[in-house]
Amino acid sequence: MRRKVSTSPEKDLGKRIRSARLKQGITLQQLALRTNLSKSLLSKIENGKVSSPVSTLFTIAKALNTRITYFFSDQDENPPITVVRKNERRQFHRIKARFGYTYEALGYKRKEKLMEPFILYMDKKTARNVTFCHPGEEILFALEGTSEFKHGNQTLILRKGDCVYFDASIPHSGRPIGDKPVKSFMVICPGENNRASLGELVLDYRKKQR
């Protein structure tokens, strides 16, 4: 009896990115120019050899004129209600990736939407201090652990049960503090009360020295 070969989340995501690129007749080199990402990195992403932060996926989605949710779902319809069971969450940035963040997509089954919800995991041993800046608004609700959250010139300590709602166009970052890993519920919204594609968000990130 032939065994079914399971694929990793990175490989599934990479296949969808390659499919979207090929459908539009775009070469890797052309995509590299559109995204300002190296051809080598894009090749690794398409082949499932590396995990990508949400910022990189937003950039690729914008370059391909598609939504980031296309990378996580095979469904073309947009049902009025969707359910993502606990075992159906799609993890697309593993703890071993260079930023040390893990994201689990919660709303990928719905194509057209105003918000993009995730579960965010950060571990003190692996997380890097990275600053993000993009259009729209965000909500971050602390489920477990303690983290330091920076928004512009303001620094906050977030503990279990704390929630921040903020302007995402202002540079912001977070890092775990204490011994326990951090788990948060995060919602990204492009804002302006429209159904603009979340794939149009371009996140600029810069590494900072601690």
N, C-alpha and C. Protein backbone atom coordinates (compact mmCIF):
# COMPACT_ATOMS: atom_id res chain seq x y z
N MET A 1 0.85 -1.21 0.00
CA MET A 1 0.00 0.00 0.00
C MET A 1 0.88 1.25 0.00
N ARG A 2 0.58 2.16 -0.89
CA ARG A 2 1.39 3.36 -1.03
C ARG A 2 1.02 4.40 0.01
N ARG A 3 2.03 4.91 0.69
CA ARG A 3 1.79 5.93 1.71
C ARG A 3 1.58 7.30 1.09
N LYS A 4 0.71 8.06 1.72
CA LYS A 4 0.48 9.44 1.28
C LYS A 4 1.58 10.33 1.82
N VAL A 5 2.23 11.05 0.97
CA VAL A 5 3.34 11.91 1.38
C VAL A 5 2.78 13.25 1.86
N SER A 6 3.08 13.60 3.09
CA SER A 6 2.60 14.87 3.65
C SER A 6 3.59 15.98 3.29
N THR A 7 3.07 17.15 3.07
CA THR A 7 3.92 18.29 2.73
C THR A 7 3.90 19.28 3.88
N SER A 8 4.93 20.10 3.95
CA SER A 8 5.03 21.09 5.02
C SER A 8 4.22 22.32 4.64
N PRO A 9 3.87 23.16 5.63
CA PRO A 9 3.16 24.41 5.33
C PRO A 9 3.95 25.29 4.38
N GLU A 10 5.28 25.29 4.51
CA GLU A 10 6.13 26.11 3.64
C GLU A 10 6.02 25.65 2.18
N LYS A 11 6.00 24.33 1.96
CA LYS A 11 5.91 23.81 0.59
C LYS A 11 4.55 24.09 -0.02
N ASP A 12 3.48 23.94 0.78
CA ASP A 12 2.14 24.25 0.27
C ASP A 12 2.04 25.72 -0.12
N LEU A 13 2.55 26.59 0.73
CA LEU A 13 2.52 28.02 0.45
C LEU A 13 3.35 28.35 -0.78
N GLY A 14 4.54 27.75 -0.88
CA GLY A 14 5.41 27.99 -2.02
C GLY A 14 4.77 27.59 -3.34
N LYS A 15 4.04 26.48 -3.33
CA LYS A 15 3.37 26.02 -4.54
C LYS A 15 2.31 27.01 -5.00
N ARG A 16 1.60 27.59 -4.04
CA ARG A 16 0.56 28.56 -4.40
C ARG A 16 1.16 29.85 -4.94
N ILE A 17 2.28 30.26 -4.37
CA ILE A 17 2.95 31.46 -4.87
C ILE A 17 3.44 31.22 -6.30
N ARG A 18 4.06 30.06 -6.53
CA ARG A 18 4.54 29.74 -7.87
C ARG A 18 3.38 29.67 -8.87
N SER A 19 2.27 29.08 -8.42
CA SER A 19 1.09 28.97 -9.30
C SER A 19 0.57 30.34 -9.69
N ALA A 20 0.48 31.25 -8.72
CA ALA A 20 0.00 32.61 -9.00
C ALA A 20 0.95 33.33 -9.95
N ARG A 21 2.25 33.11 -9.77
CA ARG A 21 3.25 33.77 -10.64
C ARG A 21 3.17 33.25 -12.06
N LEU A 22 3.10 31.93 -12.21
CA LEU A 22 3.09 31.32 -13.54
C LEU A 22 1.80 31.64 -14.30
N LYS A 23 0.68 31.73 -13.59
CA LYS A 23 -0.60 32.07 -14.24
C LYS A 23 -0.53 33.43 -14.90
N GLN A 24 0.30 34.30 -14.35
CA GLN A 24 0.43 35.66 -14.90
C GLN A 24 1.62 35.79 -15.86
N GLY A 25 2.32 34.68 -16.07
CA GLY A 25 3.45 34.69 -16.98
C GLY A 25 4.61 35.54 -16.49
N ILE A 26 4.79 35.57 -15.18
CA ILE A 26 5.86 36.38 -14.58
C ILE A 26 7.04 35.49 -14.22
N THR A 27 8.23 35.89 -14.59
CA THR A 27 9.42 35.12 -14.26
C THR A 27 9.89 35.45 -12.85
N LEU A 28 10.75 34.61 -12.31
CA LEU A 28 11.29 34.88 -10.97
C LEU A 28 12.06 36.20 -10.94
N GLN A 29 12.78 36.47 -12.02
CA GLN A 29 13.55 37.71 -12.10
C GLN A 29 12.62 38.93 -12.09
N GLN A 30 11.52 38.84 -12.82
CA GLN A 30 10.55 39.94 -12.84
C GLN A 30 9.91 40.14 -11.47
N LEU A 31 9.61 39.03 -10.79
CA LEU A 31 9.04 39.13 -9.46
C LEU A 31 10.04 39.72 -8.47
N ALA A 32 11.30 39.37 -8.65
CA ALA A 32 12.36 39.92 -7.80
C ALA A 32 12.43 41.43 -7.94
N LEU A 33 12.30 41.93 -9.18
CA LEU A 33 12.34 43.37 -9.42
C LEU A 33 11.13 44.07 -8.81
N ARG A 34 9.97 43.41 -8.90
CA ARG A 34 8.74 44.01 -8.37
C ARG A 34 8.73 44.07 -6.84
N THR A 35 9.34 43.09 -6.21
CA THR A 35 9.29 42.98 -4.75
C THR A 35 10.53 43.51 -4.05
N ASN A 36 11.59 43.73 -4.82
CA ASN A 36 12.88 44.12 -4.24
C ASN A 36 13.44 43.02 -3.34
N LEU A 37 13.03 41.77 -3.65
CA LEU A 37 13.57 40.60 -2.97
C LEU A 37 14.48 39.87 -3.94
N SER A 38 15.47 39.16 -3.44
CA SER A 38 16.40 38.49 -4.34
C SER A 38 15.74 37.30 -5.05
N LYS A 39 16.20 37.01 -6.24
CA LYS A 39 15.70 35.87 -7.00
C LYS A 39 15.95 34.57 -6.23
N SER A 40 17.10 34.50 -5.56
CA SER A 40 17.45 33.33 -4.77
C SER A 40 16.46 33.10 -3.63
N LEU A 41 16.10 34.18 -2.92
CA LEU A 41 15.15 34.07 -1.81
C LEU A 41 13.78 33.63 -2.32
N LEU A 42 13.33 34.22 -3.40
CA LEU A 42 12.03 33.88 -3.97
C LEU A 42 11.99 32.41 -4.39
N SER A 43 13.09 31.93 -4.96
CA SER A 43 13.17 30.52 -5.36
C SER A 43 13.05 29.61 -4.14
N LYS A 44 13.72 29.99 -3.06
CA LYS A 44 13.66 29.19 -1.83
C LYS A 44 12.25 29.19 -1.25
N ILE A 45 11.58 30.34 -1.32
CA ILE A 45 10.21 30.43 -0.81
C ILE A 45 9.29 29.53 -1.62
N GLU A 46 9.41 29.59 -2.96
CA GLU A 46 8.56 28.78 -3.82
C GLU A 46 8.81 27.29 -3.65
N ASN A 47 10.01 26.94 -3.28
CA ASN A 47 10.35 25.52 -3.09
C ASN A 47 10.19 25.06 -1.64
N GLY A 48 9.65 25.94 -0.81
CA GLY A 48 9.38 25.58 0.57
C GLY A 48 10.60 25.35 1.43
N LYS A 49 11.71 25.99 1.07
CA LYS A 49 12.95 25.78 1.81
C LYS A 49 13.16 26.78 2.93
N VAL A 50 12.38 27.85 2.93
CA VAL A 50 12.48 28.85 4.00
C VAL A 50 11.08 29.27 4.42
N SER A 51 10.96 29.75 5.65
CA SER A 51 9.71 30.33 6.14
C SER A 51 9.78 31.84 5.91
N SER A 52 8.62 32.45 5.71
CA SER A 52 8.60 33.88 5.40
C SER A 52 7.77 34.65 6.40
N PRO A 53 8.24 35.84 6.82
CA PRO A 53 7.43 36.68 7.71
C PRO A 53 6.24 37.25 6.96
N VAL A 54 5.25 37.69 7.69
CA VAL A 54 4.04 38.20 7.06
C VAL A 54 4.34 39.38 6.14
N SER A 55 5.35 40.17 6.45
CA SER A 55 5.71 41.31 5.62
C SER A 55 6.13 40.88 4.23
N THR A 56 6.92 39.82 4.14
CA THR A 56 7.37 39.33 2.84
C THR A 56 6.20 38.80 2.01
N LEU A 57 5.28 38.10 2.67
CA LEU A 57 4.12 37.56 1.95
C LEU A 57 3.21 38.67 1.46
N PHE A 58 3.03 39.73 2.24
CA PHE A 58 2.24 40.87 1.78
C PHE A 58 2.90 41.50 0.54
N THR A 59 4.22 41.61 0.57
CA THR A 59 4.95 42.21 -0.55
C THR A 59 4.78 41.38 -1.82
N ILE A 60 4.91 40.07 -1.69
CA ILE A 60 4.75 39.17 -2.84
C ILE A 60 3.32 39.23 -3.37
N ALA A 61 2.34 39.24 -2.45
CA ALA A 61 0.93 39.30 -2.85
C ALA A 61 0.65 40.58 -3.64
N LYS A 62 1.21 41.69 -3.18
CA LYS A 62 1.00 42.96 -3.89
C LYS A 62 1.60 42.89 -5.29
N ALA A 63 2.81 42.34 -5.40
CA ALA A 63 3.49 42.25 -6.69
C ALA A 63 2.72 41.37 -7.67
N LEU A 64 2.00 40.38 -7.15
CA LEU A 64 1.23 39.46 -7.99
C LEU A 64 -0.23 39.91 -8.13
N ASN A 65 -0.53 41.09 -7.56
CA ASN A 65 -1.88 41.65 -7.65
C ASN A 65 -2.92 40.66 -7.13
N THR A 66 -2.61 40.06 -6.00
CA THR A 66 -3.54 39.10 -5.41
C THR A 66 -3.61 39.33 -3.91
N ARG A 67 -4.45 38.59 -3.23
CA ARG A 67 -4.60 38.71 -1.79
C ARG A 67 -3.70 37.70 -1.09
N ILE A 68 -3.25 38.05 0.07
CA ILE A 68 -2.40 37.14 0.82
C ILE A 68 -3.15 35.86 1.18
N THR A 69 -4.48 35.94 1.31
CA THR A 69 -5.26 34.76 1.65
C THR A 69 -5.23 33.71 0.55
N TYR A 70 -4.93 34.11 -0.68
CA TYR A 70 -4.82 33.14 -1.77
C TYR A 70 -3.73 32.12 -1.48
N PHE A 71 -2.71 32.54 -0.75
CA PHE A 71 -1.59 31.65 -0.45
C PHE A 71 -1.93 30.58 0.57
N PHE A 72 -3.06 30.73 1.27
CA PHE A 72 -3.41 29.79 2.33
C PHE A 72 -4.67 28.99 2.08
N SER A 73 -5.38 29.29 1.01
CA SER A 73 -6.65 28.60 0.79
C SER A 73 -6.82 28.21 -0.67
N ASP A 74 -7.40 27.02 -0.88
CA ASP A 74 -7.70 26.54 -2.23
C ASP A 74 -9.09 26.98 -2.68
N GLN A 75 -9.87 27.55 -1.78
CA GLN A 75 -11.24 27.90 -2.09
C GLN A 75 -11.32 29.21 -2.86
N ASP A 76 -12.20 29.24 -3.85
CA ASP A 76 -12.39 30.43 -4.66
C ASP A 76 -13.62 31.22 -4.22
N GLU A 77 -14.57 30.55 -3.57
CA GLU A 77 -15.79 31.22 -3.15
C GLU A 77 -15.56 32.03 -1.88
N ASN A 78 -16.54 32.88 -1.56
CA ASN A 78 -16.43 33.72 -0.39
C ASN A 78 -17.68 33.54 0.47
N PRO A 79 -17.75 32.45 1.26
CA PRO A 79 -18.95 32.16 2.04
C PRO A 79 -19.20 33.22 3.10
N PRO A 80 -20.47 33.41 3.52
CA PRO A 80 -20.80 34.44 4.52
C PRO A 80 -20.26 34.10 5.90
N ILE A 81 -19.97 32.83 6.16
CA ILE A 81 -19.40 32.43 7.44
C ILE A 81 -18.42 31.28 7.22
N THR A 82 -17.31 31.32 7.93
CA THR A 82 -16.33 30.24 7.82
C THR A 82 -15.90 29.81 9.22
N VAL A 83 -15.48 28.57 9.34
CA VAL A 83 -14.97 28.04 10.61
C VAL A 83 -13.59 27.44 10.35
N VAL A 84 -12.62 27.85 11.12
CA VAL A 84 -11.29 27.25 11.07
C VAL A 84 -11.08 26.50 12.38
N ARG A 85 -11.10 25.17 12.31
CA ARG A 85 -10.92 24.37 13.50
C ARG A 85 -9.47 24.48 13.99
N LYS A 86 -9.29 24.11 15.25
CA LYS A 86 -7.96 24.23 15.86
C LYS A 86 -6.90 23.52 15.04
N ASN A 87 -7.23 22.35 14.51
CA ASN A 87 -6.25 21.59 13.74
C ASN A 87 -6.14 22.03 12.28
N GLU A 88 -6.91 23.07 11.91
CA GLU A 88 -6.88 23.57 10.53
C GLU A 88 -6.08 24.87 10.40
N ARG A 89 -5.62 25.40 11.51
CA ARG A 89 -4.84 26.63 11.43
C ARG A 89 -3.61 26.42 10.56
N ARG A 90 -3.26 27.43 9.78
CA ARG A 90 -2.12 27.31 8.88
C ARG A 90 -0.97 28.16 9.38
N GLN A 91 0.09 27.48 9.71
CA GLN A 91 1.27 28.15 10.25
C GLN A 91 2.21 28.45 9.10
N PHE A 92 2.60 29.73 8.97
CA PHE A 92 3.43 30.06 7.82
C PHE A 92 4.74 30.75 8.16
N HIS A 93 5.04 30.87 9.44
CA HIS A 93 6.36 31.41 9.78
C HIS A 93 6.82 30.72 11.04
N ARG A 94 7.62 29.72 10.91
CA ARG A 94 7.99 28.88 12.03
C ARG A 94 9.03 29.52 12.94
N ILE A 95 9.12 28.95 14.14
CA ILE A 95 9.98 29.51 15.16
C ILE A 95 11.45 29.50 14.76
N LYS A 96 11.83 28.65 13.82
CA LYS A 96 13.22 28.57 13.40
C LYS A 96 13.57 29.59 12.32
N ALA A 97 12.56 30.31 11.83
CA ALA A 97 12.81 31.31 10.81
C ALA A 97 13.58 32.48 11.40
N ARG A 98 14.07 33.35 10.53
CA ARG A 98 15.04 34.35 11.00
C ARG A 98 14.49 35.37 11.98
N PHE A 99 13.18 35.64 11.99
CA PHE A 99 12.63 36.59 12.94
C PHE A 99 12.17 35.93 14.23
N GLY A 100 12.06 34.62 14.22
CA GLY A 100 11.67 33.90 15.43
C GLY A 100 10.21 34.06 15.81
N TYR A 101 9.36 34.52 14.89
CA TYR A 101 7.93 34.62 15.15
C TYR A 101 7.20 33.48 14.45
N THR A 102 6.11 33.02 15.05
CA THR A 102 5.25 32.04 14.41
C THR A 102 3.86 32.65 14.26
N TYR A 103 3.30 32.61 13.06
CA TYR A 103 1.95 33.11 12.81
C TYR A 103 1.05 31.95 12.39
N GLU A 104 -0.16 31.92 12.94
CA GLU A 104 -1.17 30.95 12.50
C GLU A 104 -2.34 31.72 11.92
N ALA A 105 -2.64 31.47 10.64
CA ALA A 105 -3.72 32.17 9.96
C ALA A 105 -5.07 31.60 10.40
N LEU A 106 -5.99 32.49 10.81
CA LEU A 106 -7.29 32.07 11.31
C LEU A 106 -8.43 32.37 10.33
N GLY A 107 -8.22 33.30 9.41
CA GLY A 107 -9.32 33.71 8.54
C GLY A 107 -9.09 33.39 7.08
N TYR A 108 -8.20 32.45 6.79
CA TYR A 108 -7.80 32.22 5.39
C TYR A 108 -8.91 31.64 4.52
N LYS A 109 -9.95 31.07 5.13
CA LYS A 109 -11.02 30.47 4.32
C LYS A 109 -11.94 31.51 3.69
N ARG A 110 -11.92 32.72 4.22
CA ARG A 110 -12.75 33.79 3.64
C ARG A 110 -11.85 34.68 2.79
N LYS A 111 -12.23 34.83 1.53
CA LYS A 111 -11.39 35.57 0.59
C LYS A 111 -11.52 37.08 0.77
N GLU A 112 -12.73 37.58 0.61
CA GLU A 112 -12.95 39.03 0.71
C GLU A 112 -13.25 39.38 2.15
N LYS A 113 -12.39 40.17 2.79
CA LYS A 113 -12.63 40.53 4.18
C LYS A 113 -11.96 41.84 4.54
N LEU A 114 -12.44 42.42 5.61
CA LEU A 114 -11.91 43.69 6.09
C LEU A 114 -10.74 43.49 7.04
N MET A 115 -10.64 42.29 7.62
CA MET A 115 -9.62 42.03 8.63
C MET A 115 -8.87 40.74 8.33
N GLU A 116 -7.67 40.63 8.88
CA GLU A 116 -6.87 39.42 8.76
C GLU A 116 -6.44 39.01 10.17
N PRO A 117 -7.05 37.95 10.74
CA PRO A 117 -6.72 37.53 12.10
C PRO A 117 -5.63 36.46 12.16
N PHE A 118 -4.80 36.53 13.18
CA PHE A 118 -3.72 35.56 13.37
C PHE A 118 -3.57 35.24 14.86
N ILE A 119 -2.94 34.10 15.14
CA ILE A 119 -2.38 33.83 16.46
C ILE A 119 -0.88 34.04 16.30
N LEU A 120 -0.30 34.86 17.15
CA LEU A 120 1.12 35.18 17.09
C LEU A 120 1.84 34.55 18.27
N TYR A 121 2.95 33.87 17.97
CA TYR A 121 3.77 33.26 19.02
C TYR A 121 5.17 33.88 18.97
N MET A 122 5.72 34.21 20.13
CA MET A 122 7.08 34.72 20.21
C MET A 122 7.78 34.03 21.39
N ASP A 123 9.01 33.64 21.16
CA ASP A 123 9.81 33.01 22.19
C ASP A 123 11.07 33.82 22.43
N LYS A 124 11.40 34.07 23.67
CA LYS A 124 12.55 34.92 24.01
C LYS A 124 13.85 34.38 23.43
N LYS A 125 13.97 33.07 23.32
CA LYS A 125 15.21 32.46 22.86
C LYS A 125 15.46 32.66 21.37
N THR A 126 14.39 32.86 20.61
CA THR A 126 14.55 32.93 19.16
C THR A 126 14.06 34.23 18.52
N ALA A 127 13.19 34.97 19.20
CA ALA A 127 12.61 36.17 18.60
C ALA A 127 13.64 37.26 18.41
N ARG A 128 13.57 37.95 17.26
CA ARG A 128 14.43 39.09 16.98
C ARG A 128 13.63 40.37 17.16
N ASN A 129 14.33 41.45 17.40
CA ASN A 129 13.66 42.74 17.55
C ASN A 129 13.50 43.38 16.17
N VAL A 130 12.29 43.36 15.65
CA VAL A 130 12.02 43.84 14.30
C VAL A 130 10.93 44.91 14.35
N THR A 131 11.12 45.99 13.60
CA THR A 131 10.14 47.07 13.55
C THR A 131 9.29 46.97 12.29
N PHE A 132 7.96 47.09 12.45
CA PHE A 132 7.03 47.02 11.32
C PHE A 132 6.33 48.36 11.13
N CYS A 133 5.93 48.62 9.91
CA CYS A 133 5.23 49.87 9.60
C CYS A 133 4.43 49.64 8.32
N HIS A 134 3.10 49.80 8.39
CA HIS A 134 2.26 49.53 7.22
C HIS A 134 0.93 50.26 7.37
N PRO A 135 0.18 50.44 6.29
CA PRO A 135 -1.10 51.14 6.37
C PRO A 135 -2.11 50.39 7.23
N GLY A 136 -3.06 51.12 7.81
CA GLY A 136 -4.15 50.48 8.52
C GLY A 136 -4.03 50.50 10.03
N GLU A 137 -4.77 49.58 10.66
CA GLU A 137 -4.81 49.49 12.10
C GLU A 137 -4.61 48.04 12.54
N GLU A 138 -4.27 47.87 13.82
CA GLU A 138 -4.08 46.52 14.37
C GLU A 138 -4.64 46.44 15.78
N ILE A 139 -5.01 45.23 16.15
CA ILE A 139 -5.37 44.91 17.52
C ILE A 139 -4.46 43.77 17.97
N LEU A 140 -3.94 43.89 19.17
CA LEU A 140 -3.09 42.85 19.73
C LEU A 140 -3.60 42.54 21.14
N PHE A 141 -4.06 41.31 21.34
CA PHE A 141 -4.61 40.89 22.63
C PHE A 141 -3.70 39.81 23.22
N ALA A 142 -3.15 40.07 24.39
CA ALA A 142 -2.20 39.15 25.02
C ALA A 142 -2.92 37.97 25.66
N LEU A 143 -2.60 36.78 25.20
CA LEU A 143 -3.20 35.55 25.72
C LEU A 143 -2.32 34.88 26.77
N GLU A 144 -1.01 34.91 26.53
CA GLU A 144 -0.07 34.27 27.46
C GLU A 144 1.25 35.03 27.43
N GLY A 145 1.98 35.00 28.54
CA GLY A 145 3.30 35.59 28.61
C GLY A 145 3.29 37.10 28.77
N THR A 146 4.50 37.67 28.80
CA THR A 146 4.68 39.12 28.96
C THR A 146 5.58 39.63 27.84
N SER A 147 5.22 40.76 27.27
CA SER A 147 6.01 41.31 26.16
C SER A 147 6.18 42.81 26.30
N GLU A 148 7.21 43.31 25.65
CA GLU A 148 7.43 44.76 25.56
C GLU A 148 6.97 45.20 24.17
N PHE A 149 6.06 46.17 24.14
CA PHE A 149 5.51 46.64 22.88
C PHE A 149 5.87 48.10 22.69
N LYS A 150 6.47 48.42 21.55
CA LYS A 150 6.85 49.79 21.24
C LYS A 150 6.02 50.31 20.08
N HIS A 151 5.51 51.54 20.25
CA HIS A 151 4.71 52.19 19.21
C HIS A 151 5.17 53.63 19.13
N GLY A 152 5.91 53.95 18.06
CA GLY A 152 6.50 55.27 17.98
C GLY A 152 7.50 55.45 19.11
N ASN A 153 7.32 56.50 19.91
CA ASN A 153 8.21 56.76 21.04
C ASN A 153 7.69 56.19 22.36
N GLN A 154 6.55 55.48 22.28
CA GLN A 154 5.94 54.95 23.50
C GLN A 154 6.29 53.47 23.70
N THR A 155 6.59 53.07 24.93
CA THR A 155 6.90 51.69 25.27
C THR A 155 5.92 51.19 26.32
N LEU A 156 5.30 50.03 26.05
CA LEU A 156 4.32 49.46 26.96
C LEU A 156 4.73 48.04 27.34
N ILE A 157 4.36 47.62 28.53
CA ILE A 157 4.54 46.23 28.95
C ILE A 157 3.16 45.57 28.89
N LEU A 158 3.04 44.52 28.11
CA LEU A 158 1.76 43.83 27.94
C LEU A 158 1.78 42.49 28.65
N ARG A 159 0.76 42.25 29.48
CA ARG A 159 0.62 40.99 30.20
C ARG A 159 -0.70 40.33 29.80
N LYS A 160 -0.87 39.11 30.22
CA LYS A 160 -2.07 38.34 29.89
C LYS A 160 -3.33 39.15 30.17
N GLY A 161 -4.18 39.26 29.15
CA GLY A 161 -5.43 40.00 29.29
C GLY A 161 -5.37 41.43 28.79
N ASP A 162 -4.16 41.96 28.56
CA ASP A 162 -4.01 43.32 28.05
C ASP A 162 -4.29 43.36 26.54
N CYS A 163 -4.77 44.49 26.08
CA CYS A 163 -5.09 44.64 24.65
C CYS A 163 -4.69 46.03 24.18
N VAL A 164 -4.06 46.10 23.03
CA VAL A 164 -3.72 47.39 22.41
C VAL A 164 -4.36 47.49 21.03
N TYR A 165 -4.87 48.67 20.74
CA TYR A 165 -5.45 48.98 19.43
C TYR A 165 -4.65 50.17 18.91
N PHE A 166 -4.01 50.03 17.75
CA PHE A 166 -3.08 51.08 17.35
C PHE A 166 -3.04 51.35 15.85
N ASP A 167 -2.54 52.52 15.53
CA ASP A 167 -2.30 52.95 14.16
C ASP A 167 -1.06 52.22 13.65
N ALA A 168 -1.25 51.34 12.67
CA ALA A 168 -0.13 50.51 12.20
C ALA A 168 0.82 51.26 11.27
N SER A 169 0.45 52.50 10.88
CA SER A 169 1.34 53.28 10.02
C SER A 169 2.49 53.90 10.82
N ILE A 170 2.37 53.84 12.14
CA ILE A 170 3.45 54.31 13.01
C ILE A 170 4.35 53.11 13.32
N PRO A 171 5.68 53.24 13.21
CA PRO A 171 6.58 52.10 13.47
C PRO A 171 6.29 51.44 14.82
N HIS A 172 6.19 50.11 14.79
CA HIS A 172 5.87 49.39 16.01
C HIS A 172 6.63 48.06 16.06
N SER A 173 6.84 47.58 17.24
CA SER A 173 7.58 46.33 17.41
C SER A 173 7.21 45.69 18.74
N GLY A 174 7.53 44.42 18.86
CA GLY A 174 7.26 43.71 20.11
C GLY A 174 8.31 42.64 20.35
N ARG A 175 8.58 42.38 21.61
CA ARG A 175 9.51 41.31 21.94
C ARG A 175 9.11 40.70 23.28
N PRO A 176 9.30 39.40 23.45
CA PRO A 176 8.95 38.75 24.71
C PRO A 176 9.95 39.10 25.81
N ILE A 177 9.45 39.27 27.01
CA ILE A 177 10.32 39.46 28.16
C ILE A 177 9.86 38.48 29.24
N GLY A 178 10.73 38.12 30.12
CA GLY A 178 10.40 37.09 31.08
C GLY A 178 10.76 35.72 30.52
N ASP A 179 10.42 34.69 31.25
CA ASP A 179 10.83 33.34 30.87
C ASP A 179 9.80 32.60 30.01
N LYS A 180 8.56 33.02 30.05
CA LYS A 180 7.51 32.30 29.33
C LYS A 180 7.35 32.82 27.89
N PRO A 181 7.07 31.92 26.93
CA PRO A 181 6.79 32.35 25.55
C PRO A 181 5.53 33.22 25.52
N VAL A 182 5.42 34.05 24.50
CA VAL A 182 4.28 34.94 24.36
C VAL A 182 3.32 34.42 23.30
N LYS A 183 2.05 34.45 23.62
CA LYS A 183 1.00 34.07 22.67
C LYS A 183 -0.02 35.19 22.64
N SER A 184 -0.32 35.68 21.43
CA SER A 184 -1.26 36.80 21.30
C SER A 184 -2.22 36.57 20.15
N PHE A 185 -3.40 37.17 20.27
CA PHE A 185 -4.36 37.20 19.17
C PHE A 185 -4.18 38.53 18.46
N MET A 186 -3.95 38.50 17.16
CA MET A 186 -3.64 39.71 16.41
C MET A 186 -4.59 39.86 15.22
N VAL A 187 -5.07 41.07 15.01
CA VAL A 187 -5.93 41.36 13.87
C VAL A 187 -5.34 42.54 13.10
N ILE A 188 -5.14 42.36 11.80
CA ILE A 188 -4.66 43.43 10.92
C ILE A 188 -5.81 43.90 10.06
N CYS A 189 -6.01 45.20 9.98
CA CYS A 189 -7.07 45.78 9.15
C CYS A 189 -6.48 46.89 8.28
N PRO A 190 -6.73 46.86 6.96
CA PRO A 190 -6.16 47.87 6.07
C PRO A 190 -6.74 49.25 6.27
N GLY A 191 -7.91 49.33 6.95
CA GLY A 191 -8.49 50.62 7.27
C GLY A 191 -9.28 51.26 6.15
N GLU A 192 -9.67 52.50 6.36
CA GLU A 192 -10.41 53.33 5.41
C GLU A 192 -11.76 52.75 5.04
N ASN A 193 -12.30 51.88 5.91
CA ASN A 193 -13.66 51.34 5.75
C ASN A 193 -13.95 50.78 4.36
N ASN A 194 -12.99 50.07 3.81
CA ASN A 194 -13.25 49.45 2.52
C ASN A 194 -12.75 48.02 2.54
N ARG A 195 -13.01 47.30 1.46
CA ARG A 195 -12.58 45.92 1.36
C ARG A 195 -11.32 45.82 0.51
N ALA A 196 -10.42 46.75 0.71
CA ALA A 196 -9.16 46.73 -0.02
C ALA A 196 -8.44 45.43 0.29
N SER A 197 -7.76 44.92 -0.72
CA SER A 197 -7.03 43.67 -0.55
C SER A 197 -5.93 43.83 0.49
N LEU A 198 -5.90 42.90 1.44
CA LEU A 198 -4.81 42.92 2.41
C LEU A 198 -3.49 42.63 1.73
N GLY A 199 -3.57 42.06 0.54
CA GLY A 199 -2.35 41.82 -0.23
C GLY A 199 -1.71 43.12 -0.69
N GLU A 200 -2.45 44.24 -0.57
CA GLU A 200 -1.89 45.52 -0.98
C GLU A 200 -1.06 46.16 0.12
N LEU A 201 -1.08 45.57 1.31
CA LEU A 201 -0.27 46.10 2.40
C LEU A 201 1.18 45.72 2.19
N VAL A 202 2.05 46.69 2.30
CA VAL A 202 3.48 46.43 2.21
C VAL A 202 4.08 46.76 3.56
N LEU A 203 4.62 45.76 4.23
CA LEU A 203 5.20 45.98 5.54
C LEU A 203 6.69 46.23 5.41
N ASP A 204 7.15 47.36 5.91
CA ASP A 204 8.57 47.66 5.93
C ASP A 204 9.13 47.24 7.27
N TYR A 205 10.13 46.40 7.26
CA TYR A 205 10.68 45.96 8.52
C TYR A 205 12.18 46.19 8.55
N ARG A 206 12.67 46.55 9.73
CA ARG A 206 14.09 46.83 9.90
C ARG A 206 14.56 46.16 11.16
N LYS A 207 15.66 45.45 11.09
CA LYS A 207 16.22 44.82 12.28
C LYS A 207 16.85 45.89 13.17
N LYS A 208 16.68 45.70 14.46
CA LYS A 208 17.29 46.61 15.42
C LYS A 208 18.21 45.84 16.35
N GLN A 209 19.25 46.49 16.76
CA GLN A 209 20.14 45.88 17.74
C GLN A 209 19.56 46.08 19.13
N ARG A 210 19.57 45.04 19.92
CA ARG A 210 19.05 45.15 21.28
C ARG A 210 20.04 45.89 22.15
